[in-house]
Amino acid sequence: MEFIDTHAHLYDKAFSEDILQVIQRMEEAGVTHCILPGIDMSAYDTMISLSNSRPDLFSPCIGLHPTSVSEDWERELAFVKKHARDRRFAAIGEIGIDKYWSTDYLTQQTKVFAEQLELAATLDLPVIIHLRNSTEDIFKVFSDVRGIPLRGVFHAFSGSYETYKRILTQGDFKIGIGGVSTYKNAGVAATLEKISLDDIVLETDAPWLTPVPFRGKRNESSYLIHIAANIAMIQGIPIETVATITTNNARKLFSL
C-alpha cells in the first residue's frame, strides 16, 4: 500500500532530534510523499531545508497561517507574495481564519485569507484551508472573491455532512481527514459514513492531532496508516481501497 500525508509539520522543532528516524518509519509505513504546509517567516527556512534534503519525499508550501497574523501581518503577507514565485510550491497554505485562539486580528485574518486565495488563483495553485470556529467567516470570504477558480483541501475537517456538501459548491475541494476521526466521540466519524472517498485526502498534522492508539504522544507521518484503517472500518471497505483512492486524490490535487 502507498499513502501520501497531505499535511505534516515535520520541520517543527518537535522533530529536531530524530527526523531521520521519523523519515525511516514513514517510508517503512508506505508513506511515499508528504506535503509540508507553510506557517510564517519563522518556519520558512527550516521547511525549505527539509524539503531540499529529500525532494522526492517532501513538497513545501507557502502561506501565512491565521494564528500567525498579528501586528506585523503586512510584512508577513508581503513575504508570502514575494517568495510564492521563487519556486513551484505544492500549494498556498496553510491559510484561513481561526477564531478559537483569538479574534484580536480577525479583520486582518480575513483580509490575509482573501488575498492569499487570490494569489493561489493567480499562480494556479491549490490552497490548504485552516478553519477553526470560523465556518461562516470562511464562506463569507468565498462569497467576496466569487468568480476566481479555487481548488484545494479543507485541512483537519471535523464538520457536518451539510458543511461538506457546502464546501463542494465552492470549487474543486477535498476534505483532509486526520487523527481526530479516530477519537471515540468525534462527530466527524458519522460524517465519514456518507462522504465519498473520492473527496478525501489523508493527513496527520504531525506533531499534533495524534490518532488512536498513540493519542497523547507526538504525531508522525508513519501513523497515517491508522487513520486509513479507521476510514476503512467506518466505510466498510478494504484499507487497500482507501490507500489507492486517497493517494490518487492527493497526486491530482497537488500535481505530484
Protein backbone atom coordinates (compact mmCIF):
# COMPACT_ATOMS: atom_id res chain seq x y z
CA MET A 1 0.00 0.00 0.00
CA GLU A 2 1.07 3.56 -0.74
CA PHE A 3 -0.01 6.63 1.21
CA ILE A 4 0.51 10.39 0.92
CA ASP A 5 0.47 12.57 4.02
CA THR A 6 -1.06 15.80 2.76
CA HIS A 7 -0.34 17.82 5.89
CA ALA A 8 2.59 17.39 8.29
CA HIS A 9 4.85 19.90 10.02
CA LEU A 10 7.90 17.64 10.09
CA TYR A 11 10.16 20.70 10.12
CA ASP A 12 8.79 21.58 13.59
CA LYS A 13 11.26 21.60 16.49
CA ALA A 14 9.46 18.53 17.86
CA PHE A 15 11.40 16.53 15.24
CA SER A 16 14.77 18.26 15.51
CA GLU A 17 16.41 15.37 17.37
CA ASP A 18 15.22 12.37 15.34
CA ILE A 19 13.95 13.48 11.93
CA LEU A 20 15.96 10.78 10.14
CA GLN A 21 14.31 8.06 12.22
CA VAL A 22 10.90 9.67 11.64
CA ILE A 23 11.54 9.59 7.90
CA GLN A 24 12.63 5.95 8.06
CA ARG A 25 9.45 4.94 9.90
CA MET A 26 7.41 6.99 7.47
CA GLU A 27 8.83 5.17 4.46
CA GLU A 28 8.54 1.77 6.14
CA ALA A 29 4.82 2.50 6.70
CA GLY A 30 4.31 3.10 2.97
CA VAL A 31 4.11 6.90 3.07
CA THR A 32 5.82 7.86 -0.17
CA HIS A 33 5.27 11.62 -0.08
CA CYS A 34 4.46 14.38 2.38
CA ILE A 35 3.12 17.91 1.90
CA LEU A 36 4.76 20.47 4.22
CA PRO A 37 2.38 23.40 4.86
CA GLY A 38 3.84 26.85 5.39
CA ILE A 39 3.14 28.79 8.58
CA ASP A 40 5.06 32.07 8.56
CA MET A 41 8.51 33.56 8.01
CA SER A 42 9.97 31.99 11.15
CA ALA A 43 9.35 28.45 9.87
CA TYR A 44 10.24 29.03 6.22
CA ASP A 45 13.98 28.28 6.17
CA THR A 46 13.66 25.07 8.20
CA MET A 47 10.82 23.85 5.99
CA ILE A 48 12.75 24.57 2.79
CA SER A 49 15.88 22.89 4.19
CA LEU A 50 13.95 19.72 4.97
CA SER A 51 12.24 19.64 1.58
CA ASN A 52 15.55 20.23 -0.21
CA SER A 53 17.13 17.33 1.70
CA ARG A 54 14.59 14.89 0.22
CA PRO A 55 12.74 16.46 -2.73
CA ASP A 56 11.48 13.00 -3.66
CA LEU A 57 9.67 12.79 -0.33
CA PHE A 58 8.69 16.35 0.60
CA SER A 59 6.84 19.15 -1.17
CA PRO A 60 6.85 22.54 0.56
CA CYS A 61 4.03 25.09 0.54
CA ILE A 62 3.96 28.78 1.36
CA GLY A 63 1.35 30.70 3.27
CA LEU A 64 0.56 32.77 6.33
CA HIS A 65 -1.29 30.78 8.99
CA PRO A 66 -4.20 32.69 10.57
CA THR A 67 -2.78 32.36 14.08
CA SER A 68 0.42 33.99 12.80
CA VAL A 69 -1.50 37.09 11.74
CA SER A 70 -0.51 39.78 14.26
CA GLU A 71 0.89 43.30 14.35
CA ASP A 72 3.41 42.57 11.57
CA TRP A 73 0.90 40.87 9.28
CA GLU A 74 1.66 43.17 6.35
CA ARG A 75 5.35 42.21 6.37
CA GLU A 76 4.44 38.52 6.67
CA LEU A 77 1.95 38.71 3.79
CA ALA A 78 4.48 40.56 1.63
CA PHE A 79 6.96 37.75 2.30
CA VAL A 80 4.45 35.15 1.08
CA LYS A 81 3.64 37.14 -2.05
CA LYS A 82 7.30 37.68 -2.86
CA HIS A 83 8.52 34.13 -2.29
CA ALA A 84 5.48 32.37 -3.77
CA ARG A 85 7.15 32.87 -7.14
CA ASP A 86 10.61 31.66 -6.05
CA ARG A 87 9.87 28.03 -6.86
CA ARG A 88 6.97 25.70 -7.65
CA PHE A 89 5.25 25.22 -4.34
CA ALA A 90 2.69 22.45 -3.88
CA ALA A 91 0.08 24.86 -2.51
CA ILE A 92 -0.66 28.18 -0.88
CA GLY A 93 -1.23 27.25 2.73
CA GLU A 94 -1.97 26.80 5.33
CA ILE A 95 -4.31 29.76 5.24
CA GLY A 96 -7.73 30.56 6.64
CA ILE A 97 -9.46 32.00 9.69
CA ASP A 98 -9.08 30.88 13.31
CA LYS A 99 -11.39 32.34 15.97
CA TYR A 100 -10.52 29.71 18.58
CA TRP A 101 -7.28 31.18 19.86
CA SER A 102 -8.02 34.88 19.37
CA THR A 103 -10.24 37.34 17.49
CA ASP A 104 -7.95 40.32 18.07
CA TYR A 105 -6.84 40.38 14.45
CA LEU A 106 -9.97 38.97 12.86
CA THR A 107 -10.27 41.77 10.30
CA GLN A 108 -6.65 41.25 9.28
CA GLN A 109 -7.08 37.45 9.20
CA THR A 110 -9.97 37.89 6.79
CA LYS A 111 -8.01 40.21 4.52
CA VAL A 112 -4.94 37.96 4.56
CA PHE A 113 -7.07 34.92 3.73
CA ALA A 114 -8.78 36.64 0.80
CA GLU A 115 -5.52 37.93 -0.65
CA GLN A 116 -3.89 34.50 -0.42
CA LEU A 117 -6.87 32.90 -2.18
CA GLU A 118 -6.38 35.41 -4.98
CA LEU A 119 -2.64 34.68 -5.03
CA ALA A 120 -3.32 30.95 -5.37
CA ALA A 121 -5.69 31.56 -8.27
CA THR A 122 -3.11 33.77 -9.99
CA LEU A 123 -0.41 31.10 -9.61
CA ASP A 124 -2.79 28.22 -10.41
CA LEU A 125 -2.07 26.53 -7.09
CA PRO A 126 -4.37 24.70 -4.69
CA VAL A 127 -4.98 26.08 -1.20
CA ILE A 128 -4.77 24.39 2.20
CA ILE A 129 -7.50 25.88 4.34
CA HIS A 130 -7.42 26.12 8.14
CA LEU A 131 -10.89 26.57 9.60
CA ARG A 132 -11.49 26.74 13.33
CA ASN A 133 -14.67 28.22 14.82
CA SER A 134 -14.99 30.19 11.59
CA THR A 135 -17.19 28.33 9.11
CA GLU A 136 -19.41 31.28 8.23
CA ASP A 137 -16.42 33.64 8.08
CA ILE A 138 -14.70 31.34 5.59
CA PHE A 139 -17.76 31.13 3.37
CA LYS A 140 -18.20 34.91 3.54
CA VAL A 141 -14.70 35.32 2.10
CA PHE A 142 -15.50 32.78 -0.61
CA SER A 143 -18.52 34.90 -1.49
CA ASP A 144 -16.38 38.04 -1.59
CA VAL A 145 -13.88 36.50 -4.04
CA ARG A 146 -16.51 34.67 -6.06
CA GLY A 147 -15.50 34.17 -9.68
CA ILE A 148 -11.88 33.17 -9.17
CA PRO A 149 -11.06 29.48 -9.72
CA LEU A 150 -10.39 27.71 -6.42
CA ARG A 151 -9.28 24.21 -5.52
CA GLY A 152 -7.64 22.68 -2.51
CA VAL A 153 -8.25 20.92 0.77
CA PHE A 154 -10.10 21.76 3.96
CA HIS A 155 -7.46 20.70 6.47
CA ALA A 156 -8.42 18.77 9.63
CA PHE A 157 -12.06 18.55 8.61
CA SER A 158 -14.36 17.82 11.53
CA GLY A 159 -17.63 19.32 10.31
CA SER A 160 -21.06 18.05 9.41
CA TYR A 161 -22.21 16.38 6.22
CA GLU A 162 -24.05 19.60 5.36
CA THR A 163 -20.82 21.62 5.66
CA TYR A 164 -19.03 19.04 3.49
CA LYS A 165 -21.68 19.41 0.78
CA ARG A 166 -21.45 23.18 1.03
CA ILE A 167 -17.68 23.04 0.59
CA LEU A 168 -18.08 21.14 -2.66
CA THR A 169 -20.05 24.06 -4.14
CA GLN A 170 -17.07 26.40 -3.70
CA GLY A 171 -14.63 24.73 -6.08
CA ASP A 172 -12.67 21.53 -6.54
CA PHE A 173 -12.10 20.82 -2.86
CA LYS A 174 -11.07 17.75 -0.92
CA ILE A 175 -11.57 17.02 2.77
CA GLY A 176 -8.46 16.40 4.87
CA ILE A 177 -9.11 13.56 7.32
CA GLY A 178 -6.68 13.05 10.18
CA GLY A 179 -6.31 11.74 13.70
CA VAL A 180 -9.42 13.41 15.12
CA SER A 181 -11.52 10.95 13.11
CA THR A 182 -10.19 8.12 15.31
CA TYR A 183 -11.30 9.70 18.60
CA LYS A 184 -14.10 7.97 20.45
CA ASN A 185 -16.58 10.86 20.48
CA ALA A 186 -15.55 12.53 17.22
CA GLY A 187 -18.61 13.74 15.34
CA VAL A 188 -16.76 13.54 12.05
CA ALA A 189 -16.98 9.73 12.21
CA ALA A 190 -20.71 9.96 11.45
CA THR A 191 -19.99 12.35 8.60
CA LEU A 192 -17.38 9.94 7.21
CA GLU A 193 -20.06 7.30 6.75
CA LYS A 194 -21.56 9.47 3.99
CA ILE A 195 -18.55 11.26 2.48
CA SER A 196 -17.34 9.94 -0.86
CA LEU A 197 -13.82 8.54 -0.74
CA ASP A 198 -13.20 10.46 -3.96
CA ASP A 199 -13.35 13.65 -1.88
CA ILE A 200 -10.91 12.57 0.86
CA VAL A 201 -7.17 13.01 1.32
CA LEU A 202 -5.26 11.72 4.33
CA GLU A 203 -3.23 13.85 6.70
CA THR A 204 -1.56 13.67 10.10
CA ASP A 205 -0.92 17.32 11.04
CA ALA A 206 2.15 15.96 12.82
CA PRO A 207 3.29 16.63 15.50
CA TRP A 208 -0.31 17.36 16.60
CA LEU A 209 -3.70 15.55 16.50
CA THR A 210 -2.19 12.11 17.02
CA PRO A 211 -4.55 9.24 16.12
CA VAL A 212 -5.58 6.38 18.36
CA PRO A 213 -3.76 4.24 19.56
CA PHE A 214 -1.00 6.84 20.02
CA ARG A 215 -3.16 9.74 21.21
CA GLY A 216 -1.30 11.84 23.77
CA LYS A 217 2.07 11.26 22.12
CA ARG A 218 3.84 13.16 19.37
CA ASN A 219 2.26 12.52 15.99
CA GLU A 220 4.28 11.49 12.93
CA SER A 221 3.60 10.55 9.33
CA SER A 222 4.02 6.80 9.89
CA TYR A 223 0.76 6.89 11.87
CA LEU A 224 -1.18 7.70 8.70
CA ILE A 225 -1.98 4.01 8.33
CA HIS A 226 -4.12 4.12 11.49
CA ILE A 227 -6.20 6.95 10.04
CA ALA A 228 -6.65 4.98 6.81
CA ALA A 229 -7.63 1.85 8.74
CA ASN A 230 -10.25 3.79 10.68
CA ILE A 231 -11.78 5.20 7.48
CA ALA A 232 -11.86 1.69 6.02
CA MET A 233 -13.66 0.42 9.11
CA ILE A 234 -16.22 3.25 9.09
CA GLN A 235 -16.97 2.88 5.38
CA GLY A 236 -16.81 -0.92 5.37
CA ILE A 237 -14.19 -1.15 2.63
CA PRO A 238 -10.66 -2.61 2.41
CA ILE A 239 -7.83 -0.41 3.61
CA GLU A 240 -6.16 -1.02 0.24
CA THR A 241 -9.06 0.84 -1.40
CA VAL A 242 -8.60 3.77 0.97
CA ALA A 243 -4.88 3.85 0.19
CA THR A 244 -5.33 3.73 -3.58
CA ILE A 245 -8.09 6.32 -3.90
CA THR A 246 -6.78 8.86 -1.37
CA THR A 247 -3.27 8.63 -2.81
CA ASN A 248 -4.60 9.27 -6.31
CA ASN A 249 -6.65 12.17 -4.97
CA ALA A 250 -3.55 13.72 -3.38
CA ARG A 251 -1.45 13.26 -6.51
CA LYS A 252 -4.03 15.01 -8.63
CA LEU A 253 -4.69 17.84 -6.20
CA PHE A 254 -1.03 18.69 -5.58
CA SER A 255 0.25 17.76 -9.07
CA LEU A 256 2.64 15.15 -7.67
